[in-house]
Amino acid sequence: MNGPADLDVVIVGAGISGIAAAAELQRKCPGKSFAVLEMRESLGGTWDLFTYPGIRSDSDMFTLGYGFKPWTEREAIASGGAIKNYLQETADQFGITEKIRFGTRLVSASWSSADDTWTLGLRNADGDTQLRCRFLHLATGYYSYRGGFNPELPGEDSFEGRVVHPQEWPEDLDYRDRKVAVIGSGATAITLVPSLAGETAKVTMVQRSPTYVAIAPAVDPEAERLREEMGPEEAFSRIRLRNLHAQQEIYHYARQHPQEFKKAIFDAIDEVVGVEVRKAHFTPTYEPWDQRVCLVPGADLFQAIRNGSADVVTGHIDRLTPTGVAMRDGTHVDADIIVKATGLDLVMGGEATFDVDGEVVDFGRCWTYKGLALSGVPNLTYAFGFVNSSWTLRIEAVDDFLCRVLAHMDEVGAHRVTPTLAPGDDAMPRLPYTAGVTSGYMQRAAQRMPAQGDHEPWLNPQNYAETMRLLESVDDDVLRYV
């Protein structure tokens, strides 16, 4: 690789994906110069941004954590604060913290084939600057940091209390002994409700339709046994491998045997709140894993419902009133505070603009190459994890692929690598980026996402074994090294 670049690689984002990529470069590409751009003043990404009560992982930390940095805490499902501390420890341990340029936003990225270099337009407190690099890796996550999906509800202006969104949780929000309505049924709502239940006068989850919710142990008993026998670090790799396979097996079992899967999770819920409550509020009309299944450690949501500190109302909202939420069926949910856990606004590339030799790159018109690069866009990879198991499992595979691409470029003397469509490939059917996933945020953003094709390597598999096989080679007929 050559050209008038300041750095070999620039990683955009210092969250769980960016720190993973930086650690991989430190470990496997020690000769490469790199920097990490982070628009916030601290690292952590999701785990720095979200501060609402009860924020926690929705996957076990043995697989959401890094394979190269054992998770040694007792809790399998960890709090947001514990995860942020883990990320900070990782960044410090691998010498990444000093590579992060905090308070620096990527505004634009322009590729020049004349010198095989990306010119990055950056913005920080001192103004606008530029940085040139040979390779760009986007670890920007998948949602907008400017704000969540926040549709205005009829009558919202009339509500006399406070309306908040979890993505912008106010530090001064006092919900003690107040009546709180949480609108939504996804992971955020299901986390918030039991966390608020112990301190509010009453918390009510208001959902349009149910979500699949699976009860999981707060502490993994098998992991505890292995830790006692081997110590936490030695036990980690064994637990991680077991959980990796278990996640995939559970997913495929749910897809192939949906009735049996439903029965297992429904029976567990019935034991806590009874059949009537479960049928009314926790029996979805779609199939398991059409949308992500939410985890409830220790059945905390259902325990709150059983003890009366929380309840659920299912149906369509008619409007907000001065004192709460009016449902179409005539039910009124009294509230002093309304939390709109209405989801995320999905974006790619951190909302920066991209062009290749002056031609604008529209992510929604590109094809995804193996779920990590874009057709026709040179020297660029991006991090997007699994949606049906732990995000990080795929991220680490992507980072390994990136390092092998960089090594291969050096071996063959290439300055540029571009995923290139073969003649006729542009006529492939444009399939959704995550085919089979019907989550609202994915559907809303479908036109902004690159498409899958109908054959390799223009696929984004959500299966670990298939992904690892697909990422084996960095030298195929599609990647053009020049």
Foldseek 3Di string as FASTA:
>chain_A
DDFDFPFAEEEEAQALLRLLLVLLCVVQVVPGGYAYEAQAQAHHQVLVQFDAFQAKDQAFCLQLPDPVQFDQDQFRIGHSVVSSVSSVVSCVVSVHVVRYDYNKDFAEWEAEPVGQKIWTWIQGPVGIDIGIYNFYEYANEWFALVDFPDDDFAAPVAAQAAEAERSCDDPPDDQFQFEEEEEEADQVLLRNQLRCLVGYVAYEYEYQFAAAEAEDARGDPVLVVQCVVPNRVVSSVVVSVVSLVVLQVLVVCQVVPVVVNVVVRQVVLCVQQHDVQCVQHHDGPDGPPLAEYGYDHPCSSSNSVNVRSYYYDYHAWPGAHRAATAGPVGDGRGGNYYYHHPGGATAPRNNHWYYYNPHTDQQLLWFDFLLFDTAPDKNYTYQAAARSHRRVLLSSLNSVLNSVLVVVCVVVVFSIKGQHDDVPQSVFDFAFQAHSHDDPNSVVCRSRHHGAGDDPRRHHDNRNVVSNVNSPDPDDPGIDTD
